Amino acid sequence: MQVRTDGTLYYYEYAGSGFTGHLLGNGWDKTTHIATIGGPKKSFVDISNGTLRLWKIVDYKAVFVANLNPEGFGATRLIAGIGDAKKSGYTDLVQVNSAGDLVLWIGGAPTGFYRDYALGYGWSDARLIATALDRAKFVEIKENGELWTWRIGNVANGEYAKGAFTMGGWANVRLLAPAGLDDAFVSIRYDGQMVEWRWNSAINNYQAVPHDWGWENARLVG
């Protein structure tokens, strides 16, 4: 998902060697956050004027489903879809709020989320997050330019997110988004290039797959 600086919303599908964009609509100027939650209905959420809204994609158009607006999303700094972490049958979200807490939100109904518990604290230095695997793994870029990889433990037992430093040198990244492939994500650099990152078990790290340029007009991705 991408919101451009002109307020247009695009949906990108992975086409084997790259991403194909589809215009979903206009008027997304007030959206401050956006996150893909996937599934066969191609659902996503956004936050606009402090309200969490649920959407689905039908015939390459964004179709409004419901205002969710659970208490606690007005203080959102970062959000990302995390897959069905609690095996409830619905996609979940992770949120970094203004207090620096990392919070798990469970998809408890087709049109709602409920706050489960804080997965961690002290996330005030998190600059960007994105899902790296459609289950319980995501990546974070810190203010100091470090990339960290995180995995949620057994949420049924209330376990925290566990993370580790992955690599440095990410100060040139402006935006992060899921890539639609297992254990992969994309970054958009300040110079406008998109780079896909895929896990390479041989080097035990993510490996860059450069894609196209011209992403300077991306304001939000998710």
Protein backbone atom coordinates (compact mmCIF):
# COMPACT_ATOMS: atom_id res chain seq x y z
CA MET A 1 0.00 0.00 0.00
CA GLN A 2 1.21 3.51 -0.81
CA VAL A 3 -0.20 6.98 -0.21
CA ARG A 4 1.45 9.54 -2.45
CA THR A 5 2.07 13.19 -1.71
CA ASP A 6 -0.83 14.14 -4.02
CA GLY A 7 -3.30 12.15 -1.86
CA THR A 8 -3.69 9.19 -4.23
CA LEU A 9 -3.77 5.63 -2.87
CA TYR A 10 -2.03 2.77 -4.71
CA TYR A 11 -1.98 -0.98 -4.19
CA TYR A 12 1.11 -2.87 -5.37
CA GLU A 13 1.09 -6.53 -6.31
CA TYR A 14 4.26 -8.56 -6.54
CA ALA A 15 4.65 -9.82 -10.12
CA GLY A 16 7.65 -12.16 -9.82
CA SER A 17 10.37 -9.69 -10.75
CA GLY A 18 8.86 -6.51 -9.38
CA PHE A 19 5.73 -4.72 -8.21
CA THR A 20 2.76 -3.61 -10.32
CA GLY A 21 0.83 -0.59 -9.05
CA HIS A 22 -2.95 -0.06 -9.17
CA LEU A 23 -4.67 3.25 -8.40
CA LEU A 24 -7.33 2.66 -5.73
CA GLY A 25 -8.62 6.18 -5.25
CA ASN A 26 -7.99 9.82 -4.38
CA GLY A 27 -8.47 11.99 -1.31
CA TRP A 28 -6.14 10.25 1.14
CA ASP A 29 -4.41 13.47 2.20
CA LYS A 30 -5.46 13.16 5.86
CA THR A 31 -4.26 9.57 6.33
CA THR A 32 -1.40 9.49 8.82
CA HIS A 33 -0.77 5.70 8.98
CA ILE A 34 -1.57 2.73 6.77
CA ALA A 35 -1.02 -1.03 7.22
CA THR A 36 -1.82 -4.08 5.12
CA ILE A 37 -3.52 -6.86 7.06
CA GLY A 38 -3.80 -9.13 4.02
CA GLY A 39 -5.93 -12.22 3.73
CA PRO A 40 -8.11 -13.29 0.80
CA LYS A 41 -10.17 -10.12 1.08
CA LYS A 42 -7.07 -7.92 0.66
CA SER A 43 -7.87 -5.82 3.72
CA PHE A 44 -5.99 -2.88 5.13
CA VAL A 45 -6.39 -0.24 7.83
CA ASP A 46 -5.55 3.41 7.96
CA ILE A 47 -5.70 6.15 10.57
CA SER A 48 -7.30 9.44 9.54
CA ASN A 49 -8.21 12.24 11.95
CA GLY A 50 -7.40 9.86 14.82
CA THR A 51 -9.87 7.20 13.61
CA LEU A 52 -8.81 3.66 12.73
CA ARG A 53 -10.66 2.62 9.55
CA LEU A 54 -10.99 -0.80 7.93
CA TRP A 55 -10.94 -1.16 4.13
CA LYS A 56 -10.95 -3.94 1.56
CA ILE A 57 -9.90 -3.95 -2.08
CA VAL A 58 -12.58 -4.89 -4.61
CA ASP A 59 -11.83 -4.70 -8.34
CA TYR A 60 -8.86 -2.47 -7.55
CA LYS A 61 -10.95 0.05 -5.66
CA ALA A 62 -10.72 0.84 -1.95
CA VAL A 63 -14.07 -0.05 -0.36
CA PHE A 64 -14.82 1.30 3.12
CA VAL A 65 -15.88 -1.34 5.66
CA ALA A 66 -16.07 0.34 9.07
CA ASN A 67 -14.75 2.91 11.51
CA LEU A 68 -13.05 0.85 14.21
CA ASN A 69 -11.62 3.57 16.46
CA PRO A 70 -10.67 1.48 19.50
CA GLU A 71 -9.45 3.62 22.37
CA GLY A 72 -5.67 3.97 22.19
CA PHE A 73 -5.10 4.48 18.47
CA GLY A 74 -5.15 8.27 18.66
CA ALA A 75 -1.64 8.08 20.14
CA THR A 76 -0.21 5.91 17.36
CA ARG A 77 3.34 6.60 16.18
CA LEU A 78 3.82 3.42 14.10
CA ILE A 79 1.66 0.43 13.10
CA ALA A 80 2.19 -2.78 11.12
CA GLY A 81 0.07 -5.83 10.30
CA ILE A 82 1.53 -8.88 12.03
CA GLY A 83 -0.51 -11.84 10.81
CA ASP A 84 -2.57 -14.02 13.14
CA ALA A 85 -0.22 -13.90 16.12
CA LYS A 86 -2.78 -15.20 18.61
CA LYS A 87 -4.40 -17.76 16.26
CA SER A 88 -7.78 -16.03 16.66
CA GLY A 89 -8.62 -16.35 12.99
CA TYR A 90 -8.04 -12.64 12.31
CA THR A 91 -5.00 -10.58 11.43
CA ASP A 92 -3.40 -8.68 14.31
CA LEU A 93 -1.54 -5.38 14.55
CA VAL A 94 1.49 -4.11 16.41
CA GLN A 95 1.58 -0.48 17.41
CA VAL A 96 4.22 1.85 18.83
CA ASN A 97 2.34 4.50 20.79
CA SER A 98 3.38 7.97 21.92
CA ALA A 99 4.51 6.61 25.30
CA GLY A 100 7.04 4.34 23.59
CA ASP A 101 5.13 1.11 24.28
CA LEU A 102 5.00 -1.70 21.72
CA VAL A 103 1.40 -2.94 21.88
CA LEU A 104 -0.28 -6.01 20.39
CA TRP A 105 -3.81 -5.52 19.05
CA ILE A 106 -5.82 -8.66 18.37
CA GLY A 107 -8.30 -8.86 15.50
CA GLY A 108 -11.21 -10.07 17.58
CA ALA A 109 -14.01 -9.59 15.07
CA PRO A 110 -14.36 -8.93 11.35
CA THR A 111 -14.65 -5.21 12.04
CA GLY A 112 -12.66 -4.70 15.23
CA PHE A 113 -9.42 -4.96 17.20
CA TYR A 114 -8.88 -5.09 20.92
CA ARG A 115 -5.79 -4.20 22.91
CA ASP A 116 -4.12 -7.32 24.26
CA TYR A 117 -0.94 -6.30 26.09
CA ALA A 118 2.36 -4.45 25.74
CA LEU A 119 4.97 -6.55 23.95
CA GLY A 120 7.72 -4.24 25.12
CA TYR A 121 8.64 -0.81 26.43
CA GLY A 122 11.19 1.85 25.54
CA TRP A 123 10.38 2.05 21.82
CA SER A 124 10.72 5.83 21.66
CA ASP A 125 13.79 5.41 19.44
CA ALA A 126 11.89 3.35 16.84
CA ARG A 127 11.68 5.30 13.58
CA LEU A 128 10.07 2.72 11.25
CA ILE A 129 8.58 -0.79 11.53
CA ALA A 130 7.32 -3.27 8.92
CA THR A 131 6.24 -6.89 8.82
CA ALA A 132 8.93 -9.23 7.50
CA LEU A 133 6.85 -12.41 7.68
CA ASP A 134 3.11 -12.85 7.74
CA ARG A 135 3.06 -14.34 11.21
CA ALA A 136 4.95 -12.92 14.15
CA LYS A 137 8.14 -11.38 12.75
CA PHE A 138 8.84 -7.74 11.96
CA VAL A 139 11.75 -5.36 11.49
CA GLU A 140 12.53 -2.00 13.05
CA ILE A 141 14.81 0.87 12.09
CA LYS A 142 16.03 2.83 15.07
CA GLU A 143 16.84 6.53 15.14
CA ASN A 144 20.56 5.68 15.08
CA GLY A 145 20.21 3.87 11.73
CA GLU A 146 20.34 0.29 13.07
CA LEU A 147 18.05 -2.43 11.68
CA TRP A 148 16.67 -4.86 14.27
CA THR A 149 14.65 -8.03 13.70
CA TRP A 150 11.92 -8.92 16.18
CA ARG A 151 9.76 -11.94 16.77
CA ILE A 152 6.73 -12.19 19.03
CA GLY A 153 6.91 -15.09 21.44
CA ASN A 154 3.98 -17.14 22.69
CA VAL A 155 1.34 -14.45 23.11
CA ALA A 156 -0.94 -16.92 24.90
CA ASN A 157 1.63 -16.86 27.71
CA GLY A 158 2.09 -13.09 27.56
CA GLU A 159 5.64 -13.24 26.22
CA TYR A 160 7.39 -10.06 25.09
CA ALA A 161 8.81 -9.41 21.64
CA LYS A 162 12.39 -10.66 21.37
CA GLY A 163 14.78 -8.85 19.07
CA ALA A 164 18.36 -8.69 17.90
CA PHE A 165 20.56 -6.25 16.02
CA THR A 166 20.65 -7.24 12.34
CA MET A 167 22.79 -4.64 10.54
CA GLY A 168 23.71 -0.96 10.53
CA GLY A 169 23.69 1.71 7.86
CA TRP A 170 19.94 2.28 7.51
CA ALA A 171 19.92 6.04 8.04
CA ASN A 172 19.27 6.49 4.29
CA VAL A 173 15.88 4.69 4.53
CA ARG A 174 12.77 6.89 4.57
CA LEU A 175 9.95 4.28 4.52
CA LEU A 176 9.43 0.55 5.20
CA ALA A 177 6.71 -1.84 4.00
CA PRO A 178 5.99 -5.58 3.76
CA ALA A 179 7.04 -7.19 0.47
CA GLY A 180 4.32 -9.82 0.14
CA LEU A 181 6.83 -12.66 0.26
CA ASP A 182 7.83 -14.83 3.20
CA ASP A 183 10.57 -13.23 5.26
CA ALA A 184 10.98 -10.18 3.05
CA PHE A 185 10.28 -6.46 3.20
CA VAL A 186 10.99 -3.37 1.13
CA SER A 187 12.68 -0.10 1.95
CA ILE A 188 12.40 3.23 0.17
CA ARG A 189 15.48 5.38 0.40
CA TYR A 190 15.67 9.15 0.51
CA ASP A 191 17.06 9.12 -3.06
CA GLY A 192 13.83 7.47 -4.28
CA GLN A 193 14.99 3.90 -4.88
CA MET A 194 13.00 0.90 -3.66
CA VAL A 195 15.06 -2.02 -2.37
CA GLU A 196 13.63 -5.43 -1.52
CA TRP A 197 15.25 -7.35 1.34
CA ARG A 198 15.03 -11.15 1.41
CA TRP A 199 16.35 -13.40 4.14
CA ASN A 200 19.41 -15.37 3.00
CA SER A 201 20.06 -18.31 5.30
CA ALA A 202 23.54 -18.82 3.84
CA ILE A 203 24.73 -15.48 5.22
CA ASN A 204 22.20 -15.42 8.11
CA ASN A 205 21.05 -11.97 7.16
CA TYR A 206 18.86 -10.01 4.77
CA GLN A 207 20.17 -9.54 1.22
CA ALA A 208 19.31 -6.57 -0.98
CA VAL A 209 17.39 -6.94 -4.25
CA PRO A 210 17.34 -3.46 -5.86
CA HIS A 211 14.15 -2.40 -7.65
CA ASP A 212 13.03 0.73 -9.46
CA TRP A 213 13.59 4.40 -8.73
CA GLY A 214 11.08 7.26 -8.62
CA TRP A 215 9.54 6.72 -5.19
CA GLU A 216 10.18 10.27 -4.00
CA ASN A 217 6.43 10.96 -4.13
CA ALA A 218 5.59 8.19 -1.63
CA ARG A 219 4.35 9.74 1.62
CA LEU A 220 3.22 6.55 3.41
CA VAL A 221 3.66 2.83 2.74
CA GLY A 222 2.46 -0.16 4.70
